[in-house]
Protein backbone atom coordinates (compact mmCIF):
# COMPACT_ATOMS: atom_id res chain seq x y z
CA UNK A 1 32.19 25.85 4.01
CA UNK A 2 33.16 25.51 0.32
CA UNK A 3 36.47 24.35 -0.73
CA UNK A 4 36.89 24.51 -4.56
CA UNK A 5 40.08 23.14 -6.07
CA UNK A 6 40.28 24.19 -9.73
CA UNK A 7 43.75 22.61 -10.24
CA UNK A 8 42.42 19.19 -9.19
CA UNK A 9 39.17 19.72 -10.36
CA UNK A 10 37.20 18.99 -7.19
CA UNK A 11 35.04 20.60 -4.53
CA UNK A 12 33.95 19.90 -1.29
CA UNK A 13 30.76 21.45 0.15
CA UNK A 14 29.89 20.97 3.94
CA UNK A 15 27.32 22.57 6.25
CA UNK A 16 26.02 21.47 9.75
CA UNK A 17 24.86 17.97 8.88
CA UNK A 18 25.93 17.19 5.23
CA UNK A 19 29.52 17.07 3.25
CA UNK A 20 29.81 16.19 -0.42
CA UNK A 21 33.01 15.79 -2.33
CA UNK A 22 32.63 15.99 -6.25
CA UNK A 23 35.36 15.13 -8.75
CA UNK A 24 34.85 16.61 -12.10
CA UNK A 25 38.33 15.72 -13.56
CA UNK A 26 36.96 13.05 -15.83
CA UNK A 27 33.12 13.58 -16.19
CA UNK A 28 31.43 14.11 -12.87
CA UNK A 29 31.69 11.62 -9.82
CA UNK A 30 30.31 12.27 -6.37
CA UNK A 31 33.07 11.11 -4.19
CA UNK A 32 31.00 11.01 -0.91
CA UNK A 33 27.61 12.57 0.17
CA UNK A 34 27.71 11.97 3.98
CA UNK A 35 25.62 12.88 7.13
CA UNK A 36 28.49 14.10 9.11
CA UNK A 37 26.17 15.05 12.20
CA UNK A 38 25.39 11.58 12.86
CA UNK A 39 28.87 10.45 13.32
CA UNK A 40 31.99 9.78 11.31
CA UNK A 41 30.31 7.60 8.54
CA UNK A 42 31.35 8.22 4.81
CA UNK A 43 28.34 7.42 2.32
CA UNK A 44 27.48 7.25 -1.19
CA UNK A 45 30.95 6.72 -2.41
CA UNK A 46 31.68 7.13 -6.24
CA UNK A 47 28.30 7.93 -7.47
CA UNK A 48 28.16 9.23 -11.13
CA UNK A 49 26.48 12.45 -11.31
CA UNK A 50 23.74 11.37 -13.79
CA UNK A 51 22.90 8.78 -16.36
CA UNK A 52 20.78 9.73 -19.56
CA UNK A 53 19.01 7.15 -21.84
CA UNK A 54 18.41 8.50 -25.38
CA UNK A 55 18.79 7.06 -29.03
CA UNK A 56 18.63 3.45 -27.54
CA UNK A 57 21.87 4.21 -25.51
CA UNK A 58 22.79 5.03 -22.11
CA UNK A 59 25.24 7.72 -21.31
CA UNK A 60 26.61 8.42 -18.04
CA UNK A 61 28.44 11.75 -16.83
CA UNK A 62 31.68 10.22 -17.53
CA UNK A 63 30.49 10.16 -21.07
CA UNK A 64 30.47 14.16 -20.90
CA UNK A 65 33.09 16.68 -21.18
CA UNK A 66 33.49 19.47 -18.59
CA UNK A 67 32.67 22.70 -20.18
CA UNK A 68 32.87 24.84 -17.10
CA UNK A 69 32.92 24.99 -13.32
CA UNK A 70 31.83 27.89 -11.14
CA UNK A 71 31.64 28.39 -7.60
CA UNK A 72 29.72 31.50 -5.75
CA UNK A 73 28.55 32.17 -2.44
CA UNK A 74 26.93 34.81 -0.27
CA UNK A 75 25.69 34.99 3.48
CA UNK A 76 23.01 32.53 3.09
CA UNK A 77 24.01 29.94 0.23
CA UNK A 78 26.89 28.36 -1.48
CA UNK A 79 26.77 27.48 -5.08
CA UNK A 80 28.80 25.21 -7.33
CA UNK A 81 27.64 24.92 -11.04
CA UNK A 82 28.98 22.26 -13.19
CA UNK A 83 28.19 22.28 -17.17
CA UNK A 84 28.93 19.11 -19.08
CA UNK A 85 28.54 18.33 -22.82
CA UNK A 86 28.40 15.49 -25.20
CA UNK A 87 28.80 17.21 -28.51
CA UNK A 88 28.21 14.17 -30.59
CA UNK A 89 24.88 13.50 -29.17
CA UNK A 90 24.11 17.32 -28.86
CA UNK A 91 23.32 17.08 -25.24
CA UNK A 92 24.38 19.31 -22.28
CA UNK A 93 23.84 18.69 -18.50
CA UNK A 94 23.99 21.42 -16.03
CA UNK A 95 24.38 20.46 -12.41
CA UNK A 96 23.97 22.63 -9.55
CA UNK A 97 24.98 21.91 -5.83
CA UNK A 98 23.40 24.64 -3.40
CA UNK A 99 24.12 24.49 0.32
CA UNK A 100 21.75 26.47 2.61
CA UNK A 101 24.83 26.67 5.08
CA UNK A 102 22.65 24.99 7.82
CA UNK A 103 21.53 21.42 7.14
CA UNK A 104 20.65 20.84 3.45
CA UNK A 105 22.12 20.48 -0.04
CA UNK A 106 19.83 21.13 -3.19
CA UNK A 107 21.18 19.17 -6.21
CA UNK A 108 19.62 20.53 -9.39
CA UNK A 109 19.92 18.98 -12.81
CA UNK A 110 19.03 20.73 -15.85
CA UNK A 111 19.09 18.91 -19.36
CA UNK A 112 19.37 20.63 -22.78
CA UNK A 113 18.80 18.63 -25.83
CA UNK A 114 19.80 20.42 -29.36
CA UNK A 115 17.84 17.50 -31.18
CA UNK A 116 20.84 15.70 -32.79
CA UNK A 117 18.56 14.53 -35.58
CA UNK A 118 16.32 17.85 -35.74
CA UNK A 119 13.45 16.10 -33.84
CA UNK A 120 13.08 15.46 -30.14
CA UNK A 121 13.44 11.75 -28.95
CA UNK A 122 12.30 10.02 -25.82
CA UNK A 123 14.51 10.57 -23.01
CA UNK A 124 15.00 9.20 -19.50
CA UNK A 125 17.08 10.37 -16.63
CA UNK A 126 18.62 8.77 -13.59
CA UNK A 127 20.41 10.35 -10.66
CA UNK A 128 22.62 7.85 -9.09
CA UNK A 129 22.67 9.86 -5.89
CA UNK A 130 19.06 8.98 -5.33
CA UNK A 131 18.85 5.59 -6.90
CA UNK A 132 21.70 4.17 -5.07
CA UNK A 133 21.35 6.20 -1.93
CA UNK A 134 22.51 4.71 1.27
CA UNK A 135 23.60 5.62 4.86
CA UNK A 136 25.45 2.54 5.98
CA UNK A 137 24.21 0.10 3.38
CA UNK A 138 23.25 -2.99 5.06
CA UNK A 139 20.58 -2.49 7.75
CA UNK A 140 19.43 0.56 6.00
CA UNK A 141 15.61 1.45 5.75
CA UNK A 142 14.58 3.33 2.65
CA UNK A 143 10.91 4.79 2.75
CA UNK A 144 9.53 5.78 -0.61
CA UNK A 145 7.84 9.25 -0.78
CA UNK A 146 4.72 8.06 -2.01
CA UNK A 147 4.00 5.29 0.55
CA UNK A 148 6.38 5.68 3.49
CA UNK A 149 4.58 3.06 5.57
CA UNK A 150 2.45 -0.02 4.91
CA UNK A 151 0.33 -2.26 7.46
CA UNK A 152 0.89 -5.94 7.62
CA UNK A 153 -1.41 -6.44 4.82
CA UNK A 154 0.31 -4.11 2.62
CA UNK A 155 -2.12 -1.19 2.65
CA UNK A 156 -1.03 2.44 2.87
CA UNK A 157 -1.19 3.86 6.16
CA UNK A 158 -0.53 7.81 5.45
CA UNK A 159 -3.32 8.62 3.02
CA UNK A 160 -2.18 11.37 0.60
CA UNK A 161 -4.27 14.21 -0.48
CA UNK A 162 -6.04 13.42 -3.69
CA UNK A 163 -5.23 14.71 -6.95
CA UNK A 164 -7.88 16.26 -8.96
CA UNK A 165 -7.22 18.51 -12.24
CA UNK A 166 -4.32 20.10 -10.26
CA UNK A 167 -1.95 18.07 -8.36
CA UNK A 168 -1.35 18.63 -4.75
CA UNK A 169 1.87 19.86 -3.61
CA UNK A 170 1.59 17.75 -0.30
CA UNK A 171 4.50 15.14 -1.31
CA UNK A 172 6.28 13.74 2.04
CA UNK A 173 9.86 13.21 1.37
CA UNK A 174 11.79 9.90 0.80
CA UNK A 175 13.39 8.86 4.00
CA UNK A 176 16.50 6.64 4.36
CA UNK A 177 17.54 5.62 7.88
CA UNK A 178 20.17 3.32 9.36
CA UNK A 179 19.76 0.38 11.52
CA UNK A 180 19.16 2.65 14.66
CA UNK A 181 16.16 4.19 12.92
CA UNK A 182 17.55 7.65 13.66
CA UNK A 183 20.29 8.65 11.41
CA UNK A 184 20.16 9.19 7.82
CA UNK A 185 18.83 11.32 4.99
CA UNK A 186 15.62 13.18 3.92
CA UNK A 187 15.06 13.78 0.20
CA UNK A 188 12.35 16.22 -0.94
CA UNK A 189 11.39 16.69 -4.49
CA UNK A 190 10.32 20.37 -4.95
CA UNK A 191 7.78 20.93 -7.65
CA UNK A 192 6.28 24.19 -8.59
CA UNK A 193 4.04 22.98 -11.30
CA UNK A 194 0.36 22.30 -10.73
CA UNK A 195 0.00 20.57 -14.00
CA UNK A 196 -0.57 16.64 -14.04
CA UNK A 197 0.51 16.60 -17.80
CA UNK A 198 4.26 15.43 -17.48
CA UNK A 199 5.15 16.57 -20.99
CA UNK A 200 4.13 20.26 -20.61
CA UNK A 201 5.42 20.64 -16.97
CA UNK A 202 8.85 19.66 -17.85
CA UNK A 203 9.59 18.93 -14.18
CA UNK A 204 9.77 15.50 -13.15
CA UNK A 205 9.95 16.03 -9.40
CA UNK A 206 6.41 15.31 -9.10
CA UNK A 207 7.02 11.80 -10.60
CA UNK A 208 9.84 11.17 -8.53
CA UNK A 209 7.67 12.05 -5.17
CA UNK A 210 5.01 9.55 -6.25
CA UNK A 211 7.23 6.52 -6.03
CA UNK A 212 5.67 3.95 -3.83
CA UNK A 213 8.04 1.17 -3.71
CA UNK A 214 11.86 0.73 -3.15
CA UNK A 215 12.06 -0.81 -6.59
CA UNK A 216 10.87 2.35 -8.09
CA UNK A 217 13.56 4.12 -6.45
CA UNK A 218 16.41 1.66 -7.01
CA UNK A 219 15.47 1.66 -10.90
CA UNK A 220 15.67 5.29 -10.81
CA UNK A 221 14.63 5.98 -14.24
CA UNK A 222 12.26 8.97 -14.78
CA UNK A 223 11.08 10.12 -18.07
CA UNK A 224 12.07 13.92 -18.92
CA UNK A 225 10.99 16.09 -21.72
CA UNK A 226 14.33 18.27 -22.55
CA UNK A 227 14.42 20.72 -25.52
CA UNK A 228 16.92 23.24 -26.78
CA UNK A 229 16.96 25.26 -23.44
CA UNK A 230 17.78 24.39 -19.91
CA UNK A 231 14.79 23.19 -18.34
CA UNK A 232 14.58 21.98 -14.64
CA UNK A 233 13.98 18.42 -14.86
CA UNK A 234 15.14 16.81 -11.34
CA UNK A 235 15.68 18.52 -8.10
CA UNK A 236 16.80 16.80 -5.01
CA UNK A 237 16.69 18.65 -1.52
CA UNK A 238 18.68 16.37 0.64
CA UNK A 239 18.93 16.84 4.44
CA UNK A 240 21.05 14.95 7.04
CA UNK A 241 18.98 13.93 9.99
CA UNK A 242 19.48 12.41 13.52
CA UNK A 243 16.06 11.69 14.97
CA UNK A 244 14.67 9.47 12.24
CA UNK A 245 11.07 9.93 10.62
CA UNK A 246 9.93 12.30 13.27
CA UNK A 247 12.56 14.87 12.45
CA UNK A 248 12.24 14.23 8.76
CA UNK A 249 8.50 14.98 8.78
CA UNK A 250 8.81 17.87 11.08
CA UNK A 251 11.32 19.71 8.80
CA UNK A 252 9.17 18.76 5.91
CA UNK A 253 6.07 20.39 7.51
CA UNK A 254 8.10 23.68 7.79
CA UNK A 255 9.47 23.54 4.39
CA UNK A 256 5.95 22.94 2.66
CA UNK A 257 4.56 25.89 4.81
CA UNK A 258 7.01 28.60 3.92
CA UNK A 259 5.10 30.02 0.75
CA UNK A 260 1.71 29.92 2.55
CA UNK A 261 -0.09 33.01 4.24
CA UNK A 262 -2.16 31.35 7.18
CA UNK A 263 -3.75 34.70 8.00
CA UNK A 264 -7.22 33.56 7.67
CA UNK A 265 -6.73 30.57 10.17
CA UNK A 266 -5.54 33.13 12.66
CA UNK A 267 -8.95 35.13 12.55
CA UNK A 268 -10.33 35.05 15.95
CA UNK A 269 -14.00 34.98 14.44
CA UNK A 270 -13.42 31.66 12.93
CA UNK A 271 -11.80 30.14 15.77
CA UNK A 272 -15.15 28.79 17.16
CA UNK A 273 -14.90 25.80 14.85
CA UNK A 274 -11.80 24.54 16.57
CA UNK A 275 -14.04 24.03 19.80
CA UNK A 276 -16.31 21.64 18.04
CA UNK A 277 -15.85 17.91 18.32
CA UNK A 278 -19.00 16.27 17.05
CA UNK A 279 -20.95 17.30 14.00
CA UNK A 280 -24.19 16.35 12.61
CA UNK A 281 -25.31 16.00 8.92
CA UNK A 282 -29.12 15.59 8.53
CA UNK A 283 -31.66 15.80 5.58
CA UNK A 284 -34.24 18.44 5.95
CA UNK A 285 -37.16 16.28 5.38
CA UNK A 286 -35.82 13.02 6.92
CA UNK A 287 -37.32 11.47 10.20
CA UNK A 288 -34.20 12.23 11.85
CA UNK A 289 -34.78 15.86 12.28
CA UNK A 290 -38.09 16.87 10.78
CA UNK A 291 -41.54 16.96 12.38
CA UNK A 292 -44.01 16.11 9.53
CA UNK A 293 -46.91 16.89 11.36
CA UNK A 294 -45.91 20.53 12.14
CA UNK A 295 -43.68 20.71 9.04
CA UNK A 296 -40.78 22.22 11.01
CA UNK A 297 -37.32 21.28 12.08
CA UNK A 298 -37.39 19.32 15.34
CA UNK A 299 -34.56 21.16 16.85
CA UNK A 300 -35.15 19.73 20.45
CA UNK A 301 -35.56 16.25 19.10
CA UNK A 302 -32.41 16.28 17.02
CA UNK A 303 -30.27 17.54 19.83
CA UNK A 304 -31.84 15.10 22.23
CA UNK A 305 -30.52 12.47 19.93
CA UNK A 306 -27.20 14.09 19.80
CA UNK A 307 -27.06 13.66 23.52
CA UNK A 308 -26.16 10.00 23.01
CA UNK A 309 -23.06 11.30 21.20
CA UNK A 310 -21.90 13.73 23.78
CA UNK A 311 -23.92 16.42 22.08
CA UNK A 312 -24.10 17.98 18.56
CA UNK A 313 -21.72 20.96 18.36
CA UNK A 314 -22.88 21.87 14.75
CA UNK A 315 -25.71 20.55 12.58
CA UNK A 316 -25.63 20.68 8.60
CA UNK A 317 -29.20 20.91 7.29
CA UNK A 318 -29.34 19.48 3.81
CA UNK A 319 -32.42 20.78 2.14
CA UNK A 320 -32.55 20.01 -1.40
CA UNK A 321 -30.66 16.89 -2.71
CA UNK A 322 -31.79 14.18 -3.76
CA UNK A 323 -34.83 16.21 -4.95
CA UNK A 324 -32.87 18.74 -6.78
CA UNK A 325 -33.14 18.18 -10.67
CA UNK A 326 -36.62 16.82 -10.94
CA UNK A 327 -38.03 20.13 -12.13
CA UNK A 328 -36.51 23.45 -12.90
CA UNK A 329 -36.43 24.60 -9.35
CA UNK A 330 -32.63 25.73 -8.42
CA UNK A 331 -30.99 25.18 -5.18
CA UNK A 332 -32.02 28.83 -4.00
CA UNK A 333 -35.56 28.06 -4.88
CA UNK A 334 -35.54 25.33 -2.20
CA UNK A 335 -34.72 27.79 0.46
CA UNK A 336 -37.82 29.64 -0.34
CA UNK A 337 -40.13 26.46 -0.81
CA UNK A 338 -39.30 25.45 2.69
CA UNK A 339 -42.46 25.62 4.81
CA UNK A 340 -42.57 29.07 5.98
CA UNK A 341 -39.76 30.23 3.56
CA UNK A 342 -36.51 31.82 4.73
CA UNK A 343 -38.17 33.51 7.75
CA UNK A 344 -38.81 29.84 9.19
CA UNK A 345 -35.31 28.94 8.39
CA UNK A 346 -34.22 32.00 10.51
CA UNK A 347 -36.38 30.87 13.29
CA UNK A 348 -34.90 27.33 13.08
CA UNK A 349 -31.40 28.64 13.07
CA UNK A 350 -32.29 30.89 16.28
CA UNK A 351 -33.35 27.68 17.95
CA UNK A 352 -30.30 25.95 17.35
CA UNK A 353 -28.41 29.21 18.39
CA UNK A 354 -30.33 29.19 21.77
CA UNK A 355 -28.91 25.57 22.46
CA UNK A 356 -25.46 26.69 21.55
CA UNK A 357 -25.33 24.82 18.39
CA UNK A 358 -23.82 26.31 14.90
CA UNK A 359 -25.69 25.82 11.81
CA UNK A 360 -24.26 24.84 8.39
CA UNK A 361 -26.10 25.11 4.96
CA UNK A 362 -25.12 23.27 1.85
CA UNK A 363 -23.95 25.01 -1.44
CA UNK A 364 -24.26 23.01 -4.52
CA UNK A 365 -21.88 24.14 -7.33
CA UNK A 366 -23.06 21.85 -9.90
CA UNK A 367 -26.51 23.29 -9.85
CA UNK A 368 -25.66 26.54 -11.86
CA UNK A 369 -28.57 27.67 -14.33
CA UNK A 370 -28.10 28.80 -17.85
CA UNK A 371 -28.41 32.43 -16.51
CA UNK A 372 -26.19 32.23 -13.58
CA UNK A 373 -22.53 33.38 -13.36
CA UNK A 374 -20.12 32.88 -10.54
CA UNK A 375 -20.73 36.40 -9.48
CA UNK A 376 -24.54 36.05 -9.22
CA UNK A 377 -24.12 32.58 -7.36
CA UNK A 378 -21.98 34.26 -4.79
CA UNK A 379 -24.50 36.97 -4.33
CA UNK A 380 -27.06 34.30 -3.83
CA UNK A 381 -24.79 32.65 -1.27
CA UNK A 382 -24.21 35.82 0.72
CA UNK A 383 -28.02 36.57 0.52
CA UNK A 384 -28.99 33.33 2.14
CA UNK A 385 -26.27 33.70 4.77
CA UNK A 386 -27.83 37.09 5.69
CA UNK A 387 -31.52 35.83 5.54
CA UNK A 388 -30.80 32.73 7.75
CA UNK A 389 -28.01 33.83 9.94
CA UNK A 390 -26.41 30.49 9.16
CA UNK A 391 -22.74 30.01 10.71
CA UNK A 392 -21.16 28.08 7.72
CA UNK A 393 -21.38 26.57 4.51
CA UNK A 394 -20.98 22.78 3.48
CA UNK A 395 -19.43 23.24 0.05
CA UNK A 396 -20.55 19.71 -1.82
CA UNK A 397 -18.18 18.20 -4.13
CA UNK A 398 -15.61 21.13 -3.74
CA UNK A 399 -11.87 21.37 -2.80
CA UNK A 400 -11.92 25.19 -3.71
CA UNK A 401 -13.96 28.30 -3.82
CA UNK A 402 -13.92 31.72 -5.49
CA UNK A 403 -12.30 34.17 -3.14
CA UNK A 404 -15.43 36.60 -3.99
CA UNK A 405 -17.74 34.12 -2.07
CA UNK A 406 -15.64 34.67 1.16
CA UNK A 407 -15.35 38.29 0.60
CA UNK A 408 -19.23 38.65 -0.17
CA UNK A 409 -19.89 36.71 3.22
CA UNK A 410 -17.29 38.76 5.11
CA UNK A 411 -19.53 41.82 4.21
CA UNK A 412 -22.39 40.19 5.91
CA UNK A 413 -20.74 39.30 9.09
CA UNK A 414 -17.41 37.84 10.19
CA UNK A 415 -17.00 34.25 11.24
CA UNK A 416 -18.61 32.35 8.45
CA UNK A 417 -16.80 29.03 8.20
CA UNK A 418 -16.42 27.35 4.86
CA UNK A 419 -15.98 23.41 4.89
CA UNK A 420 -15.22 21.79 1.60
CA UNK A 421 -16.23 18.18 0.78
CA UNK A 422 -12.53 17.35 -0.33
CA UNK A 423 -9.38 18.65 1.01
CA UNK A 424 -8.27 21.81 -0.52
CA UNK A 425 -5.06 21.50 -2.85
CA UNK A 426 -2.48 24.05 -3.55
CA UNK A 427 -2.01 27.43 -2.08
CA UNK A 428 -5.30 29.64 -2.78
CA UNK A 429 -7.76 27.21 -1.61
CA UNK A 430 -5.68 26.06 1.46
CA UNK A 431 -5.36 29.62 2.61
CA UNK A 432 -8.95 30.61 2.55
CA UNK A 433 -10.55 27.21 3.27
CA UNK A 434 -9.88 26.66 7.05
CA UNK A 435 -11.53 23.24 7.23
CA UNK A 436 -12.74 20.36 5.01
CA UNK A 437 -14.17 16.92 5.50
CA UNK A 438 -11.79 13.90 6.14
CA UNK A 439 -13.92 11.87 4.13
CA UNK A 440 -13.34 7.96 4.75
CA UNK A 441 -14.26 6.31 1.60
CA UNK A 442 -12.41 2.90 2.11
CA UNK A 443 -13.29 0.47 4.74
CA UNK A 444 -9.91 -1.04 5.01
CA UNK A 445 -8.73 -2.00 8.27
CA UNK A 446 -6.81 0.47 10.58
CA UNK A 447 -4.18 1.90 10.87
CA UNK A 448 -4.59 4.80 8.75
CA UNK A 449 -3.74 8.52 9.09
CA UNK A 450 -4.61 11.62 6.95
CA UNK A 451 -1.49 13.26 5.71
CA UNK A 452 -2.98 16.88 5.65
CA UNK A 453 -4.18 16.66 9.24
CA UNK A 454 -0.25 16.32 10.23
CA UNK A 455 1.07 18.56 7.46
CA UNK A 456 -1.29 21.46 8.12
CA UNK A 457 -2.90 20.82 11.52
CA UNK A 458 -4.49 24.06 11.71
CA UNK A 459 -6.81 22.81 9.04
CA UNK A 460 -9.40 21.17 11.18
CA UNK A 461 -10.90 18.39 9.05
CA UNK A 462 -13.57 16.18 10.75
CA UNK A 463 -13.76 12.37 9.99
CA UNK A 464 -16.96 11.37 7.96
CA UNK A 465 -17.98 8.19 6.18
CA UNK A 466 -21.04 7.10 4.21
CA UNK A 467 -22.64 3.66 3.89
CA UNK A 468 -20.60 2.50 6.85
CA UNK A 469 -21.95 -0.62 8.64
CA UNK A 470 -21.27 -1.55 12.12
CA UNK A 471 -17.50 -2.67 11.75
CA UNK A 472 -16.85 0.14 9.43
CA UNK A 473 -18.26 2.63 11.97
CA UNK A 474 -15.93 1.15 14.47
CA UNK A 475 -13.06 1.72 12.26
CA UNK A 476 -14.04 5.15 11.66
CA UNK A 477 -14.19 5.97 15.20
CA UNK A 478 -10.72 4.55 15.85
CA UNK A 479 -9.31 6.39 12.83
CA UNK A 480 -10.62 9.60 14.43
CA UNK A 481 -9.43 8.87 17.75
CA UNK A 482 -5.94 7.70 16.41
CA UNK A 483 -5.39 11.09 14.43
CA UNK A 484 -7.27 13.25 17.05
CA UNK A 485 -10.02 14.47 14.62
CA UNK A 486 -13.45 15.63 15.42
CA UNK A 487 -16.14 13.53 13.71
CA UNK A 488 -19.44 14.05 11.65
CA UNK A 489 -22.50 11.97 12.69
CA UNK A 490 -24.26 11.07 9.26
CA UNK A 491 -26.89 8.53 9.64
CA UNK A 492 -29.64 9.09 7.22
CA UNK A 493 -27.82 8.40 3.97
CA UNK A 494 -30.12 9.95 1.35
CA UNK A 495 -33.12 7.75 2.67
CA UNK A 496 -31.18 4.73 3.96
CA UNK A 497 -31.05 4.59 7.63
CA UNK A 498 -27.72 3.53 8.95
CA UNK A 499 -27.44 4.26 12.63
CA UNK A 500 -24.46 4.21 15.02
CA UNK A 501 -24.74 1.25 17.78
CA UNK A 502 -25.12 2.19 21.43
CA UNK A 503 -21.53 1.25 22.09
CA UNK A 504 -20.38 3.23 19.33
CA UNK A 505 -22.41 6.38 20.58
CA UNK A 506 -20.64 5.77 23.95
CA UNK A 507 -17.09 5.63 22.29
CA UNK A 508 -17.89 8.78 20.52
CA UNK A 509 -19.12 10.50 23.53
CA UNK A 510 -15.94 9.63 25.58
CA UNK A 511 -13.74 10.76 22.63
CA UNK A 512 -15.64 14.13 22.44
CA UNK A 513 -14.86 14.58 26.16
CA UNK A 514 -11.36 13.88 25.80
CA UNK A 515 -10.77 15.73 22.71
CA UNK A 516 -12.17 19.04 24.05
CA UNK A 517 -10.41 18.64 27.57
CA UNK A 518 -6.99 18.44 25.78
CA UNK A 519 -7.76 20.25 22.64
CA UNK A 520 -4.76 22.63 22.60
CA UNK A 521 -2.73 19.55 22.72
CA UNK A 522 -4.40 17.84 19.77
CA UNK A 523 -4.51 21.12 17.91
CA UNK A 524 -0.71 21.95 18.40
CA UNK A 525 0.85 22.85 15.25
CA UNK A 526 3.84 20.34 14.99
CA UNK A 527 2.33 16.57 15.22
CA UNK A 528 4.03 13.69 14.08
CA UNK A 529 2.46 10.68 12.26
CA UNK A 530 3.68 7.19 12.75
CA UNK A 531 6.28 7.95 15.44
CA UNK A 532 8.72 5.25 15.86
CA UNK A 533 7.50 2.60 18.32
CA UNK A 534 9.20 -0.61 19.59
CA UNK A 535 6.81 -3.32 19.55
CA UNK A 536 4.74 -5.63 17.28
CA UNK A 537 1.56 -4.26 15.60
CA UNK A 538 1.87 -0.99 17.54
CA UNK A 539 1.47 2.43 15.77
CA UNK A 540 1.92 5.73 17.40
CA UNK A 541 1.08 9.58 16.63
CA UNK A 542 2.37 12.34 18.51
CA UNK A 543 0.50 15.45 19.41
CA UNK A 544 2.03 18.33 21.44
CA UNK A 545 0.67 21.64 22.64
CA UNK A 546 2.36 24.68 21.37
CA UNK A 547 3.23 26.00 24.72
CA UNK A 548 5.09 23.00 25.78
CA UNK A 549 2.67 22.07 28.72
CA UNK A 550 1.65 18.69 27.50
CA UNK A 551 2.33 15.93 25.05
CA UNK A 552 -0.11 12.96 24.00
CA UNK A 553 1.23 9.78 22.41
CA UNK A 554 -1.84 8.14 20.57
CA UNK A 555 -1.29 4.51 20.18
CA UNK A 556 -3.28 1.81 18.01
CA UNK A 557 -2.78 -2.03 18.40
CA UNK A 558 -3.35 -3.66 15.06
CA UNK A 559 -3.67 -7.24 16.20
CA UNK A 560 -6.24 -9.60 18.19
CA UNK A 561 -4.13 -9.78 21.40
CA UNK A 562 -2.95 -7.22 23.71
CA UNK A 563 0.37 -5.64 22.66
CA UNK A 564 3.24 -4.08 24.56
CA UNK A 565 5.69 -1.61 23.31
CA UNK A 566 7.78 1.62 24.13
CA UNK A 567 8.68 4.84 22.51
CA UNK A 568 11.27 7.56 23.36
CA UNK A 569 10.09 10.77 24.18
CA UNK A 570 10.07 13.03 21.02
CA UNK A 571 10.96 16.20 22.92
CA UNK A 572 12.17 16.82 26.45
CA UNK A 573 11.84 14.07 28.92
CA UNK A 574 8.72 13.99 31.23
CA UNK A 575 7.48 13.01 34.63
CA UNK A 576 4.58 10.57 35.02
CA UNK A 577 2.09 9.09 32.43
CA UNK A 578 -1.46 9.21 32.45
CA UNK A 579 -3.81 7.19 30.27
CA UNK A 580 -6.43 9.81 29.30
CA UNK A 581 -8.42 7.67 26.38
CA UNK A 582 -8.70 3.98 26.41
CA UNK A 583 -8.19 1.14 28.95
CA UNK A 584 -4.34 0.49 28.33
CA UNK A 585 -1.45 0.89 30.75
CA UNK A 586 1.53 3.03 30.37
CA UNK A 587 4.46 3.73 32.55
CA UNK A 588 7.32 6.50 32.43
CA UNK A 589 10.76 4.87 31.87
CA UNK A 590 12.61 8.08 32.20
CA UNK A 591 13.44 8.76 28.69
CA UNK A 592 10.02 7.42 27.25
CA UNK A 593 7.07 5.15 27.63
CA UNK A 594 6.34 1.45 28.30
CA UNK A 595 2.60 0.72 27.37
CA UNK A 596 0.15 -2.06 26.87
CA UNK A 597 -2.75 -1.44 24.49
CA UNK A 598 -5.73 -3.85 24.25
CA UNK A 599 -6.50 -5.68 20.99
CA UNK A 600 -7.70 -3.29 17.88
CA UNK A 601 -8.20 -0.40 20.14
CA UNK A 602 -6.82 3.08 20.67
CA UNK A 603 -4.91 4.33 23.87
CA UNK A 604 -3.81 8.00 24.48
CA UNK A 605 -1.26 8.74 27.16
CA UNK A 606 -0.60 12.04 28.48
CA UNK A 607 2.84 13.21 29.70
CA UNK A 608 3.95 16.85 30.91
């Protein structure tokens, strides 16, 4: 619904969840921006449309004159555009309100600076709708987009995808929730720019999405780079919610996935990786998996060790590092230098296959000789795949891969899985790399969850950590369990032997059995991280099967004593409650669960 009153210079825009009224009779003022789906609550009264800081002064929307106001609509959207001008300062601001006729209103600000003094000055922008946003005011909870949750020690719990040369587009939204933790607003900051250079991108949404504290939001200032054209500087996608953080995250995942083509993930020949729970990473010539008397890989011996973890589903055979670089041999030469050459490697792979175990080989992108090109390295990559019959590639140091590598391997045979060391960023690599390591570098205490595991759950990312000692290995296992992830066993860290203890091996063995038994639940496409739980020191993730046949609530107790708590069911009510992992207790309360979780432990509860 759009009511545009040209005579009184106001408009009201309303959809299923939101209503906003703007008065542009004297500058621009938001008279309300309310979540009407959550009740008869009027929020965000009398917010100025914008504030600019330039030439050492602050100018609000009241300091600008209205130049034009337009309203348009079609079957899918409603649009109101307001153009304001401060002629003395040579500034113009264009503000768009766009309703999707469903649950969201997009507020888009564009700033034009015609350079009053002939040169650009530094400029900062503030949107009071964002910096002063509230639902009820007192009792509201504001969760910054760059760090929604912290543990009792102030550490981040949701770990973001790392930014490298290009910025990740996974930026969870700001969440504002009322005292009940259910009703409120979600604010997404759309950003189409890959660039980390803020001046060149001229889109400040990436900066807004990186706010980690409430103080940063309340201050509200963001540096912009306007010029004598209308460049998109700030964009707020606001949605009214009724089910709190769980609804906010669920909506965000759908929003994020919209431009992606996940056809690669649907290929049946790659699905075998989804059925793997315990992976092994081993050096070719280390004592863990190599028989120095026969100069062969000890397949039976390595897999015998793996039985203590529940059995290895894959092995990654690392054949050149740390020897690579001591002479002129390339990574490809090391495949030939293996005793017996590539024929012996093929025999090794065949033995693993006889035992039902898949084999990965490493690709080292930084070992590129002066005569090599991307094309020639891709040819070698495919040739070794054909020569050894390996099942996949471990892409060292990478978070992307040339598409030609995938295409060359597809010509050899389908089903070759590419696993990057780091999570892929942006559209192209995310679409062609169906798996990566969830490498755990920090040894901070639990809880912790990997944001990609929940934003794109079809991207399977096994947990791994190097240099981890006993306490850290236990945290590693708990992290894998809490986030419902596979795990990589890496014990020979380039010559330093750092094994898992017997009790940890048993934990992993138990986790593998649980993970594979309930795999379709854990790999459902709509998991929720850090679901709302009532109880001190308790955290919860939710995993649901795509066909609705089961849901698992994963709990972690971050305290030295047993903890009790409760959750409401995320979707439909269920009957019964079965503890499928851990030694805790659970009871169905009709509309949710009551649980008891041992100290510093993980408990999974299945409901149907």
